[in-house]
Every structure is written in C-alpha cells, then in structure tokens.
Amino acid sequence: MLRIDHLYKSFGGISAVKDFNLHIKKGVIFSIIGPNGAGKTTLFNLITGLYSPDRGDIQLEGRDVTGLPPHLIAKMGISRTFQNIRLFENLTVLDNIRVGFHLKQNYRLSGVILNSKAYKKEEEEIKERTHYLLKGFKMEGYQDNLASSLPYGEQRKLEIIRALATNPKLLLLDEPGAGMNHKEQEEITNFIRWIRDEFELTILLIEHQMKVVMNISEKVIVMDFGETIAMGKPQEIQNNPRVIEAYLGGEECLK
C-alpha cells in the first residue's frame, strides 16, 4: 500500500527525517512512536504533501506521490488527522463531515443553481453516507451541534470521520489518543479496529499512549532524530532494551 525509500528532509541544516524507509502492506495497522522531535509529524507532512522531501520516494500502490500537492494526494487516497484538532468550530458536526466529501463531488455549480437531478441525487448520497458514519461512531445525536461544543473525545472522533469522508485507502492518524482518559482511549482503540475492518483501510498512526500502540498495532517503528532505531511487532518493541531505556522511560511505559 505504502512504500517509502531513502526519504530525507532538513530544516536549516538540521535533519528532521534521515534515510527513512518504510513498506506497509494493505490492511495493516502500523504505529510510529518516538520522543518529541523525532520526526514523526514531519514524516506525515511529507507523505501528505505539506512538505516536499529533499530526497527519496513515496509511492501509494505503486504510484509516485512524492512532492505532489495535498489535494492531489488526498484524491489519490491518502487522508489524515492532525495532532492539534483542526475542525471548523463554528460549523455543525454534520457540515464538518460534509466538507470531507468535496473531493468526491461530481456535480457542477450549474447543477446547484438549477437544482438538477444529478445534484439532488449526489447530495442525498452524501447525506446517507454522513449519517452512516455518525451512526458507526455512535455520534448521531450530535449532528446538529457546533463542533466547538463537543467534548474533547468526540472532537477527536469527528476529525477521523471527516477524514473517512474522503474515501481514503490509507488513513494517517496523528496521536488519536492524545488528551483522552483511559475509557476514551479504549473506545478510540476499538473504533480504529472497526475502521480498518469496515472500510478495508490501511492505517498508519503516531501515538504516545503505549497502551493504545501495544493493543492495536500489528507492527511498530521507533524513530529518533529522524532515523529508525527499531522496527517489529509490538512484543519485540516492548522488549527492546534500547527503546525501553533510551526513549520510553522504562518498562512501565510499555505495559
């Protein structure tokens, strides 16, 4: 699904991502962990076109997406959430999700003005799909609420729903469990599994909550100073002395 080879990105002479390689098969939940400043979010920004790499290649299902603008990468099937929630706070939950469908809309402005059959049909399909997503995330009761009025955990879920509205093949989640309590973390973990299975997605996530990582990931990669220092199954990472001592603060962080 995703192939990254020899990726480099520097800012002012400082290497944020250095000779990074990653091959992810379809349908896998793959986690990236590491300390702050390790290059994790920079990597996401490179994959989604917010940054252009200095060197290296990024391919989605064999198609080169290296350095393409974000809207083209999204059209090709990569969607993401952000570490800091980026919702349209003064729009309703329903309208926040509908915004995500704009990449898939085929009708023209003339169809909107003339209220054409094609326009009405597609709008009805978008409405049905939106309600389906809300129901799947147990948020149908919030559809008319302003995004800014939602509890923190529900805002996190709304951002994921909006990303799903673009109909991605690869979903990038930047710290989906950040700021959540234990119950909310368990819930978001279950939702991520459901998303993968229901929509047949491949998921790449950045996460600092080790319980989320260990419970959900099929593979884990550890970054530090832009480089890979370990990669393997969760149990292998959990027992890697270098990861435990140097980057995760001891064994208790991995339990």
Protein backbone atom coordinates (compact mmCIF):
# COMPACT_ATOMS: atom_id res chain seq x y z
CA MET A 1 0.00 0.00 0.00
CA LEU A 2 2.71 2.49 1.03
CA ARG A 3 6.37 2.37 0.09
CA ILE A 4 8.89 4.95 1.31
CA ASP A 5 12.53 4.71 0.22
CA HIS A 6 15.50 6.75 1.41
CA LEU A 7 13.49 9.80 2.47
CA TYR A 8 15.34 12.92 3.62
CA LYS A 9 14.10 16.28 4.89
CA SER A 10 16.18 19.01 6.52
CA PHE A 11 15.32 22.39 8.02
CA GLY A 12 18.16 24.88 8.33
CA GLY A 13 20.77 22.16 8.16
CA ILE A 14 19.05 20.01 10.80
CA SER A 15 17.86 16.61 9.56
CA ALA A 16 14.24 16.05 10.56
CA VAL A 17 13.94 12.83 8.52
CA LYS A 18 17.08 10.96 7.53
CA ASP A 19 17.27 7.96 5.18
CA PHE A 20 13.83 6.78 6.25
CA ASN A 21 12.43 3.57 4.75
CA LEU A 22 9.02 2.03 5.31
CA HIS A 23 6.98 -0.59 3.45
CA ILE A 24 3.39 -1.14 4.62
CA LYS A 25 1.13 -3.88 3.31
CA LYS A 26 -2.57 -3.37 2.66
CA GLY A 27 -4.86 -3.74 5.67
CA VAL A 28 -2.19 -3.35 8.35
CA ILE A 29 -2.36 -1.08 11.42
CA PHE A 30 1.18 0.31 11.73
CA SER A 31 2.29 2.62 14.56
CA ILE A 32 5.12 5.13 14.73
CA ILE A 33 6.48 6.01 18.16
CA GLY A 34 9.38 8.04 19.48
CA PRO A 35 10.21 11.11 21.58
CA ASN A 36 9.12 14.64 20.73
CA GLY A 37 11.16 15.98 17.85
CA ALA A 38 11.88 12.53 16.45
CA GLY A 39 10.46 13.46 13.03
CA LYS A 40 7.14 11.65 13.22
CA THR A 41 4.83 14.52 12.24
CA THR A 42 7.36 15.72 9.67
CA LEU A 43 7.07 12.29 8.09
CA PHE A 44 3.27 12.63 7.96
CA ASN A 45 3.66 16.06 6.37
CA LEU A 46 5.93 14.58 3.71
CA ILE A 47 3.53 11.73 2.95
CA THR A 48 0.55 14.10 2.63
CA GLY A 49 2.31 16.78 0.59
CA LEU A 50 2.55 19.56 3.17
CA TYR A 51 6.33 19.29 2.80
CA SER A 52 8.40 18.24 -0.20
CA PRO A 53 11.29 15.88 0.56
CA ASP A 54 14.88 16.81 -0.21
CA ARG A 55 15.43 13.28 -1.49
CA GLY A 56 13.63 9.97 -1.58
CA ASP A 57 10.48 8.41 -2.97
CA ILE A 58 6.94 7.90 -1.68
CA GLN A 59 4.59 5.53 -3.51
CA LEU A 60 0.95 4.65 -2.91
CA GLU A 61 0.02 1.33 -4.50
CA GLY A 62 2.96 1.73 -6.86
CA ARG A 63 2.04 5.28 -7.90
CA ASP A 64 4.54 8.03 -7.19
CA VAL A 65 3.11 10.71 -4.90
CA THR A 66 6.43 12.31 -3.94
CA GLY A 67 6.10 16.07 -3.62
CA LEU A 68 2.57 16.27 -5.02
CA PRO A 69 0.27 18.96 -3.53
CA PRO A 70 -2.01 17.85 -0.67
CA HIS A 71 -5.27 17.96 -2.66
CA LEU A 72 -3.91 15.60 -5.32
CA ILE A 73 -2.54 13.21 -2.72
CA ALA A 74 -5.94 13.23 -0.99
CA LYS A 75 -7.63 12.43 -4.31
CA MET A 76 -5.25 9.52 -4.80
CA GLY A 77 -6.37 8.03 -1.50
CA ILE A 78 -4.37 9.36 1.47
CA SER A 79 -6.20 11.17 4.27
CA ARG A 80 -5.10 12.28 7.72
CA THR A 81 -5.92 13.83 11.06
CA PHE A 82 -3.72 16.25 12.97
CA GLN A 83 -2.02 16.29 16.35
CA ASN A 84 -3.88 19.51 17.18
CA ILE A 85 -7.54 19.14 16.27
CA ARG A 86 -8.44 21.14 13.15
CA LEU A 87 -12.21 21.30 12.92
CA PHE A 88 -14.44 24.06 11.59
CA GLU A 89 -15.53 25.06 15.08
CA ASN A 90 -18.45 27.25 14.01
CA LEU A 91 -19.93 24.62 11.69
CA THR A 92 -22.15 21.80 12.85
CA VAL A 93 -20.94 18.23 13.15
CA LEU A 94 -22.94 17.38 10.04
CA ASP A 95 -21.39 20.16 7.97
CA ASN A 96 -17.87 19.33 9.17
CA ILE A 97 -18.30 15.84 7.76
CA ARG A 98 -19.92 17.06 4.53
CA VAL A 99 -16.83 19.19 3.89
CA GLY A 100 -14.84 15.96 3.61
CA PHE A 101 -16.95 14.80 0.68
CA HIS A 102 -15.93 17.69 -1.59
CA LEU A 103 -13.19 15.61 -3.25
CA LYS A 104 -15.80 13.10 -4.42
CA GLN A 105 -18.44 15.57 -5.64
CA ASN A 106 -19.01 15.42 -9.38
CA TYR A 107 -21.75 17.98 -9.91
CA ARG A 108 -21.01 21.49 -11.19
CA LEU A 109 -22.10 24.88 -9.93
CA SER A 110 -24.75 25.00 -12.65
CA GLY A 111 -26.27 21.83 -11.16
CA VAL A 112 -26.55 23.52 -7.79
CA ILE A 113 -28.16 26.64 -9.27
CA LEU A 114 -30.62 24.63 -11.38
CA ASN A 115 -31.22 22.08 -8.61
CA SER A 116 -30.57 19.32 -11.13
CA LYS A 117 -31.39 15.64 -10.64
CA ALA A 118 -27.70 14.76 -10.58
CA TYR A 119 -27.08 17.36 -7.87
CA LYS A 120 -30.01 16.17 -5.73
CA LYS A 121 -29.04 12.52 -6.14
CA GLU A 122 -25.43 13.09 -5.13
CA GLU A 123 -26.42 15.29 -2.19
CA GLU A 124 -28.77 12.57 -0.96
CA GLU A 125 -25.98 10.01 -1.22
CA ILE A 126 -23.67 12.29 0.76
CA LYS A 127 -26.36 12.73 3.40
CA GLU A 128 -26.87 8.98 3.71
CA ARG A 129 -23.14 8.34 3.90
CA THR A 130 -22.73 11.03 6.56
CA HIS A 131 -25.43 9.51 8.74
CA TYR A 132 -23.85 6.08 8.27
CA LEU A 133 -20.51 7.40 9.56
CA LEU A 134 -22.14 9.16 12.51
CA LYS A 135 -24.00 6.01 13.46
CA GLY A 136 -20.86 3.90 13.22
CA PHE A 137 -19.08 6.24 15.63
CA LYS A 138 -22.14 6.49 17.92
CA MET A 139 -22.39 10.24 17.29
CA GLU A 140 -25.77 10.54 15.56
CA GLY A 141 -27.13 12.57 18.48
CA TYR A 142 -24.51 15.28 17.89
CA GLN A 143 -25.16 16.01 14.21
CA ASP A 144 -26.69 19.47 14.76
CA ASN A 145 -24.24 20.54 17.47
CA LEU A 146 -21.46 23.01 16.73
CA ALA A 147 -18.09 21.26 16.59
CA SER A 148 -16.77 23.61 19.27
CA SER A 149 -19.43 22.40 21.73
CA LEU A 150 -18.37 18.74 21.61
CA PRO A 151 -16.43 17.02 24.39
CA TYR A 152 -12.75 16.56 23.55
CA GLY A 153 -13.03 12.86 22.77
CA GLU A 154 -15.95 13.46 20.41
CA GLN A 155 -13.98 16.15 18.59
CA ARG A 156 -11.23 13.60 18.02
CA LYS A 157 -13.74 11.16 16.58
CA LEU A 158 -15.28 13.86 14.39
CA GLU A 159 -11.92 14.63 12.82
CA ILE A 160 -11.48 10.95 11.99
CA ILE A 161 -14.98 10.79 10.48
CA ARG A 162 -14.24 13.81 8.29
CA ALA A 163 -11.03 12.11 7.08
CA LEU A 164 -13.05 8.99 6.23
CA ALA A 165 -15.45 11.11 4.17
CA THR A 166 -12.69 11.50 1.54
CA ASN A 167 -12.89 7.71 0.99
CA PRO A 168 -9.20 7.04 1.61
CA LYS A 169 -7.15 3.90 1.03
CA LEU A 170 -4.52 4.92 3.58
CA LEU A 171 -5.51 6.75 6.76
CA LEU A 172 -2.89 8.63 8.80
CA LEU A 173 -3.83 9.32 12.43
CA ASP A 174 -1.64 11.78 14.35
CA GLU A 175 -1.99 10.97 18.07
CA PRO A 176 -5.67 9.94 18.08
CA GLY A 177 -5.47 9.07 21.78
CA ALA A 178 -3.87 12.35 22.89
CA GLY A 179 -5.56 14.03 25.85
CA MET A 180 -8.05 11.21 26.37
CA ASN A 181 -8.80 9.43 29.61
CA HIS A 182 -8.48 5.66 29.97
CA LYS A 183 -12.06 4.95 28.92
CA GLU A 184 -11.82 7.23 25.87
CA GLN A 185 -8.54 5.58 24.85
CA GLU A 186 -10.17 2.15 24.95
CA GLU A 187 -13.06 3.47 22.88
CA ILE A 188 -10.85 5.07 20.23
CA THR A 189 -8.80 1.86 20.02
CA ASN A 190 -11.95 -0.12 19.29
CA PHE A 191 -13.05 2.44 16.71
CA ILE A 192 -9.70 2.27 14.89
CA ARG A 193 -10.02 -1.51 14.63
CA TRP A 194 -13.59 -1.09 13.37
CA ILE A 195 -12.48 1.48 10.80
CA ARG A 196 -9.79 -0.84 9.44
CA ASP A 197 -12.18 -3.77 9.13
CA GLU A 198 -15.31 -1.90 8.00
CA PHE A 199 -13.63 0.21 5.33
CA GLU A 200 -10.78 -2.20 4.47
CA LEU A 201 -8.23 0.51 5.18
CA THR A 202 -4.54 0.57 5.88
CA ILE A 203 -3.80 2.71 8.93
CA LEU A 204 -0.57 4.45 9.91
CA LEU A 205 -0.69 6.19 13.26
CA ILE A 206 1.53 8.27 15.51
CA GLU A 207 0.83 7.67 19.16
CA HIS A 208 2.42 8.35 22.55
CA GLN A 209 -0.11 6.31 24.52
CA MET A 210 1.70 2.99 24.71
CA LYS A 211 -1.37 1.01 25.75
CA VAL A 212 -3.06 2.11 22.53
CA VAL A 213 0.02 1.21 20.48
CA MET A 214 0.53 -2.19 22.05
CA ASN A 215 -3.14 -3.14 21.88
CA ILE A 216 -3.82 -2.14 18.30
CA SER A 217 -0.65 -2.38 16.21
CA GLU A 218 0.50 -5.22 14.02
CA LYS A 219 3.85 -3.50 13.58
CA VAL A 220 5.65 -0.65 15.30
CA ILE A 221 8.50 1.55 14.13
CA VAL A 222 10.53 3.70 16.55
CA MET A 223 12.03 6.98 15.35
CA ASP A 224 14.61 9.25 16.93
CA PHE A 225 16.32 12.26 15.36
CA GLY A 226 14.68 11.40 12.05
CA GLU A 227 16.04 7.88 11.90
CA THR A 228 14.63 4.41 12.55
CA ILE A 229 16.11 2.83 15.66
CA ALA A 230 13.81 -0.19 15.90
CA MET A 231 11.01 -1.89 13.99
CA GLY A 232 8.99 -5.02 14.65
CA LYS A 233 5.95 -6.50 16.29
CA PRO A 234 4.68 -4.80 19.46
CA GLN A 235 6.13 -7.55 21.66
CA GLU A 236 9.54 -7.11 20.07
CA ILE A 237 9.46 -3.35 20.60
CA GLN A 238 8.19 -3.87 24.14
CA ASN A 239 11.27 -5.96 24.94
CA ASN A 240 13.84 -3.90 23.03
CA PRO A 241 16.31 -2.60 25.67
CA ARG A 242 17.33 0.44 23.64
CA VAL A 243 13.73 1.53 23.15
CA ILE A 244 12.79 0.91 26.79
CA GLU A 245 15.73 2.65 28.40
CA ALA A 246 16.54 5.45 25.98
CA TYR A 247 13.17 6.52 24.60
CA LEU A 248 10.23 5.30 26.67
CA GLY A 249 11.37 5.91 30.21
CA GLY A 250 11.38 2.34 31.44
CA GLU A 251 9.34 -0.81 31.21
CA GLU A 252 6.29 0.62 32.98
CA CYS A 253 5.59 2.84 29.96
CA LEU A 254 5.10 -0.21 27.77
CA LYS A 255 2.65 -2.07 30.00
